[in-house]
């Protein structure tokens, strides 16, 4: 073995690790969709119990009205340390009537994924802009003022109350 042989081995290992870092990472989140099971759920035939037995627990349940159930599956991909991007998404919404019977089944896809861009480190709000010193000293003079709360004289909570 020559002196350059360990260098070639180290170089080969280094290149293999570097090329592995560029391999796309794929991930699946949420419900694992079985097309046959999803197609077996029928409006007017199934109810909450039969959907639960067929599809399992929903990903999300609605708290309003009939209590819709949502089954969400998303496939994402990213390279290295970049932020994952949704490649495919399936959203299955099952609506029930008051008796718990399936009324409608809606399917959605990747078009429902909303892309938002946060606005820096602050949340924009309507109204007046306040600075650091206004937040720090803004309450000076309001403590004990008439109508300021239970600590004000004459309101039953201060020293001047009977």
C-alpha atoms as a PDB file:
ATOM      1  CA  UNK A   1       0.000   0.000   0.000  1.00  0.00           C
ATOM      2  CA  UNK A   2       1.349   3.400  -0.934  1.00  0.00           C
ATOM      3  CA  UNK A   3       1.095   6.649   1.017  1.00  0.00           C
ATOM      4  CA  UNK A   4      -1.467   8.050  -1.408  1.00  0.00           C
ATOM      5  CA  UNK A   5      -3.856   5.128  -0.863  1.00  0.00           C
ATOM      6  CA  UNK A   6      -5.194   6.379   2.531  1.00  0.00           C
ATOM      7  CA  UNK A   7      -5.634   9.818   0.976  1.00  0.00           C
ATOM      8  CA  UNK A   8      -7.683   8.356  -1.848  1.00  0.00           C
ATOM      9  CA  UNK A   9      -9.834   6.436   0.638  1.00  0.00           C
ATOM     10  CA  UNK A  10     -10.396   9.593   2.705  1.00  0.00           C
ATOM     11  CA  UNK A  11     -11.194  11.569  -0.446  1.00  0.00           C
ATOM     12  CA  UNK A  12     -13.671   8.894  -1.551  1.00  0.00           C
ATOM     13  CA  UNK A  13     -15.406   8.897   1.839  1.00  0.00           C
ATOM     14  CA  UNK A  14     -15.524  12.703   1.806  1.00  0.00           C
ATOM     15  CA  UNK A  15     -17.085  12.769  -1.664  1.00  0.00           C
ATOM     16  CA  UNK A  16     -19.640  10.131  -0.676  1.00  0.00           C
ATOM     17  CA  UNK A  17     -20.682  12.158   2.383  1.00  0.00           C
ATOM     18  CA  UNK A  18     -20.852  15.391   0.363  1.00  0.00           C
ATOM     19  CA  UNK A  19     -23.031  13.793  -2.308  1.00  0.00           C
ATOM     20  CA  UNK A  20     -25.321  12.299   0.370  1.00  0.00           C
ATOM     21  CA  UNK A  21     -25.929  15.804   1.753  1.00  0.00           C
ATOM     22  CA  UNK A  22     -27.488  16.814  -1.569  1.00  0.00           C
ATOM     23  CA  UNK A  23     -29.891  13.906  -1.658  1.00  0.00           C
ATOM     24  CA  UNK A  24     -33.507  15.071  -1.503  1.00  0.00           C
ATOM     25  CA  UNK A  25     -35.247  14.172   1.736  1.00  0.00           C
ATOM     26  CA  UNK A  26     -38.828  13.035   1.371  1.00  0.00           C
ATOM     27  CA  UNK A  27     -41.297  12.965   4.229  1.00  0.00           C
ATOM     28  CA  UNK A  28     -44.919  11.980   4.709  1.00  0.00           C
ATOM     29  CA  UNK A  29     -47.086  13.625   7.343  1.00  0.00           C
ATOM     30  CA  UNK A  30     -50.601  12.788   8.455  1.00  0.00           C
ATOM     31  CA  UNK A  31     -53.031  10.176   7.272  1.00  0.00           C
ATOM     32  CA  UNK A  32     -51.868   7.249   5.145  1.00  0.00           C
ATOM     33  CA  UNK A  33     -54.425   7.156   2.321  1.00  0.00           C
ATOM     34  CA  UNK A  34     -55.811   3.823   1.195  1.00  0.00           C
ATOM     35  CA  UNK A  35     -57.837   4.639  -1.933  1.00  0.00           C
ATOM     36  CA  UNK A  36     -60.051   1.544  -1.659  1.00  0.00           C
ATOM     37  CA  UNK A  37     -61.022   2.358   1.929  1.00  0.00           C
ATOM     38  CA  UNK A  38     -61.668   6.027   1.142  1.00  0.00           C
ATOM     39  CA  UNK A  39     -63.851   5.092  -1.850  1.00  0.00           C
ATOM     40  CA  UNK A  40     -65.837   2.653   0.284  1.00  0.00           C
ATOM     41  CA  UNK A  41     -67.275   5.490   2.452  1.00  0.00           C
ATOM     42  CA  UNK A  42     -70.576   6.581   0.868  1.00  0.00           C
ATOM     43  CA  UNK A  43     -72.925   9.487   1.712  1.00  0.00           C
ATOM     44  CA  UNK A  44     -76.317   8.299   2.974  1.00  0.00           C
ATOM     45  CA  UNK A  45     -74.935   4.829   3.745  1.00  0.00           C
ATOM     46  CA  UNK A  46     -72.215   5.328   6.366  1.00  0.00           C
ATOM     47  CA  UNK A  47     -72.314   7.000   9.775  1.00  0.00           C
ATOM     48  CA  UNK A  48     -69.688   8.204  12.252  1.00  0.00           C
ATOM     49  CA  UNK A  49     -69.090   4.736  13.681  1.00  0.00           C
ATOM     50  CA  UNK A  50     -68.654   3.055  10.291  1.00  0.00           C
ATOM     51  CA  UNK A  51     -66.303   5.841   9.096  1.00  0.00           C
ATOM     52  CA  UNK A  52     -64.285   5.473  12.293  1.00  0.00           C
ATOM     53  CA  UNK A  53     -64.018   1.707  11.748  1.00  0.00           C
ATOM     54  CA  UNK A  54     -63.119   2.107   8.070  1.00  0.00           C
ATOM     55  CA  UNK A  55     -60.738   5.090   8.070  1.00  0.00           C
ATOM     56  CA  UNK A  56     -59.680   5.350  11.716  1.00  0.00           C
ATOM     57  CA  UNK A  57     -59.331   8.518  13.782  1.00  0.00           C
ATOM     58  CA  UNK A  58     -59.505  11.747  11.757  1.00  0.00           C
ATOM     59  CA  UNK A  59     -56.544  14.096  11.613  1.00  0.00           C
ATOM     60  CA  UNK A  60     -58.718  17.069  12.649  1.00  0.00           C
ATOM     61  CA  UNK A  61     -62.313  17.348  13.846  1.00  0.00           C
ATOM     62  CA  UNK A  62     -64.446  20.459  13.486  1.00  0.00           C
ATOM     63  CA  UNK A  63     -65.937  21.952  16.620  1.00  0.00           C
ATOM     64  CA  UNK A  64     -68.831  23.658  14.827  1.00  0.00           C
ATOM     65  CA  UNK A  65     -72.238  22.531  13.557  1.00  0.00           C
ATOM     66  CA  UNK A  66     -72.197  18.894  12.411  1.00  0.00           C
ATOM     67  CA  UNK A  67     -68.596  18.298  13.431  1.00  0.00           C
ATOM     68  CA  UNK A  68     -66.892  17.608  10.095  1.00  0.00           C
ATOM     69  CA  UNK A  69     -63.949  15.210  10.081  1.00  0.00           C
ATOM     70  CA  UNK A  70     -60.780  15.937   8.113  1.00  0.00           C
ATOM     71  CA  UNK A  71     -58.195  13.402   6.981  1.00  0.00           C
ATOM     72  CA  UNK A  72     -55.038  15.184   5.788  1.00  0.00           C
ATOM     73  CA  UNK A  73     -51.966  13.630   4.140  1.00  0.00           C
ATOM     74  CA  UNK A  74     -48.978  15.634   2.921  1.00  0.00           C
ATOM     75  CA  UNK A  75     -45.807  14.615   1.099  1.00  0.00           C
ATOM     76  CA  UNK A  76     -42.914  17.076   1.407  1.00  0.00           C
ATOM     77  CA  UNK A  77     -39.409  17.323   0.010  1.00  0.00           C
ATOM     78  CA  UNK A  78     -36.303  19.321   0.883  1.00  0.00           C
ATOM     79  CA  UNK A  79     -32.598  19.380   0.121  1.00  0.00           C
ATOM     80  CA  UNK A  80     -30.129  19.460   2.998  1.00  0.00           C
ATOM     81  CA  UNK A  81     -31.175  22.038   5.554  1.00  0.00           C
ATOM     82  CA  UNK A  82     -33.695  23.924   3.420  1.00  0.00           C
ATOM     83  CA  UNK A  83     -37.305  24.339   4.472  1.00  0.00           C
ATOM     84  CA  UNK A  84     -39.547  21.447   3.323  1.00  0.00           C
ATOM     85  CA  UNK A  85     -41.924  22.240   0.465  1.00  0.00           C
ATOM     86  CA  UNK A  86     -45.228  20.441   0.009  1.00  0.00           C
ATOM     87  CA  UNK A  87     -45.162  18.275  -3.125  1.00  0.00           C
ATOM     88  CA  UNK A  88     -48.575  16.649  -2.758  1.00  0.00           C
ATOM     89  CA  UNK A  89     -51.465  16.943  -0.342  1.00  0.00           C
ATOM     90  CA  UNK A  90     -54.758  15.121  -0.002  1.00  0.00           C
ATOM     91  CA  UNK A  91     -57.505  16.552   2.171  1.00  0.00           C
ATOM     92  CA  UNK A  92     -60.622  14.481   2.749  1.00  0.00           C
ATOM     93  CA  UNK A  93     -63.525  16.298   4.449  1.00  0.00           C
ATOM     94  CA  UNK A  94     -66.420  14.171   5.648  1.00  0.00           C
ATOM     95  CA  UNK A  95     -69.567  16.037   6.737  1.00  0.00           C
ATOM     96  CA  UNK A  96     -72.248  14.545   8.972  1.00  0.00           C
ATOM     97  CA  UNK A  97     -75.859  15.493   9.659  1.00  0.00           C
ATOM     98  CA  UNK A  98     -77.310  15.865  13.170  1.00  0.00           C
ATOM     99  CA  UNK A  99     -78.037  12.114  13.337  1.00  0.00           C
ATOM    100  CA  UNK A 100     -74.377  11.304  12.562  1.00  0.00           C
ATOM    101  CA  UNK A 101     -74.897  10.072   8.988  1.00  0.00           C
ATOM    102  CA  UNK A 102     -72.448  11.005   6.220  1.00  0.00           C
ATOM    103  CA  UNK A 103     -73.892  13.764   4.019  1.00  0.00           C
ATOM    104  CA  UNK A 104     -70.967  14.840   1.817  1.00  0.00           C
ATOM    105  CA  UNK A 105     -67.393  13.882   1.080  1.00  0.00           C
ATOM    106  CA  UNK A 106     -65.096  16.555  -0.354  1.00  0.00           C
ATOM    107  CA  UNK A 107     -61.560  16.033  -1.608  1.00  0.00           C
ATOM    108  CA  UNK A 108     -58.881  18.661  -1.995  1.00  0.00           C
ATOM    109  CA  UNK A 109     -55.289  18.735  -3.057  1.00  0.00           C
ATOM    110  CA  UNK A 110     -52.140  20.813  -3.108  1.00  0.00           C
ATOM    111  CA  UNK A 111     -54.084  23.894  -4.240  1.00  0.00           C
ATOM    112  CA  UNK A 112     -55.317  24.293  -0.645  1.00  0.00           C
ATOM    113  CA  UNK A 113     -51.810  24.851   0.721  1.00  0.00           C
ATOM    114  CA  UNK A 114     -51.447  28.537   1.589  1.00  0.00           C
ATOM    115  CA  UNK A 115     -48.049  30.143   1.297  1.00  0.00           C
ATOM    116  CA  UNK A 116     -47.529  32.877   3.869  1.00  0.00           C
ATOM    117  CA  UNK A 117     -44.565  35.119   4.488  1.00  0.00           C
ATOM    118  CA  UNK A 118     -44.127  36.383   8.045  1.00  0.00           C
ATOM    119  CA  UNK A 119     -43.510  40.130   8.333  1.00  0.00           C
ATOM    120  CA  UNK A 120     -40.234  40.238  10.227  1.00  0.00           C
ATOM    121  CA  UNK A 121     -40.313  39.687  13.969  1.00  0.00           C
ATOM    122  CA  UNK A 122     -43.435  41.760  14.625  1.00  0.00           C
ATOM    123  CA  UNK A 123     -47.082  41.260  13.895  1.00  0.00           C
ATOM    124  CA  UNK A 124     -48.616  44.215  12.052  1.00  0.00           C
ATOM    125  CA  UNK A 125     -51.593  45.670  13.927  1.00  0.00           C
ATOM    126  CA  UNK A 126     -54.069  48.416  13.285  1.00  0.00           C
ATOM    127  CA  UNK A 127     -54.017  51.483  15.470  1.00  0.00           C
ATOM    128  CA  UNK A 128     -51.455  53.688  17.080  1.00  0.00           C
ATOM    129  CA  UNK A 129     -47.773  52.790  17.097  1.00  0.00           C
ATOM    130  CA  UNK A 130     -46.209  52.783  20.552  1.00  0.00           C
ATOM    131  CA  UNK A 131     -42.528  52.929  21.289  1.00  0.00           C
ATOM    132  CA  UNK A 132     -40.403  51.475  24.060  1.00  0.00           C
ATOM    133  CA  UNK A 133     -40.627  54.510  26.351  1.00  0.00           C
ATOM    134  CA  UNK A 134     -44.374  54.848  25.907  1.00  0.00           C
ATOM    135  CA  UNK A 135     -44.778  51.207  26.931  1.00  0.00           C
ATOM    136  CA  UNK A 136     -42.449  51.749  29.888  1.00  0.00           C
ATOM    137  CA  UNK A 137     -43.830  55.053  31.195  1.00  0.00           C
ATOM    138  CA  UNK A 138     -47.307  55.132  29.630  1.00  0.00           C
ATOM    139  CA  UNK A 139     -49.191  54.282  32.839  1.00  0.00           C
ATOM    140  CA  UNK A 140     -47.716  57.100  34.941  1.00  0.00           C
ATOM    141  CA  UNK A 141     -50.544  59.282  36.166  1.00  0.00           C
ATOM    142  CA  UNK A 142     -53.287  56.770  35.425  1.00  0.00           C
ATOM    143  CA  UNK A 143     -53.013  54.937  38.768  1.00  0.00           C
ATOM    144  CA  UNK A 144     -55.617  56.299  41.171  1.00  0.00           C
ATOM    145  CA  UNK A 145     -57.284  58.457  38.514  1.00  0.00           C
ATOM    146  CA  UNK A 146     -61.112  58.685  38.658  1.00  0.00           C
ATOM    147  CA  UNK A 147     -62.684  55.707  36.894  1.00  0.00           C
ATOM    148  CA  UNK A 148     -59.381  53.799  36.843  1.00  0.00           C
ATOM    149  CA  UNK A 149     -60.632  50.836  38.848  1.00  0.00           C
ATOM    150  CA  UNK A 150     -61.064  49.536  42.379  1.00  0.00           C
ATOM    151  CA  UNK A 151     -58.087  51.432  43.803  1.00  0.00           C
ATOM    152  CA  UNK A 152     -59.561  54.872  43.074  1.00  0.00           C
ATOM    153  CA  UNK A 153     -61.145  56.876  45.933  1.00  0.00           C
ATOM    154  CA  UNK A 154     -64.924  56.651  46.138  1.00  0.00           C
ATOM    155  CA  UNK A 155     -65.172  53.379  44.256  1.00  0.00           C
ATOM    156  CA  UNK A 156     -65.237  51.142  47.304  1.00  0.00           C
ATOM    157  CA  UNK A 157     -61.706  49.838  47.005  1.00  0.00           C
ATOM    158  CA  UNK A 158     -59.519  52.739  48.103  1.00  0.00           C
ATOM    159  CA  UNK A 159     -58.684  54.436  51.421  1.00  0.00           C
ATOM    160  CA  UNK A 160     -61.440  57.006  51.089  1.00  0.00           C
ATOM    161  CA  UNK A 161     -64.261  54.482  50.976  1.00  0.00           C
ATOM    162  CA  UNK A 162     -66.733  54.375  53.898  1.00  0.00           C
END
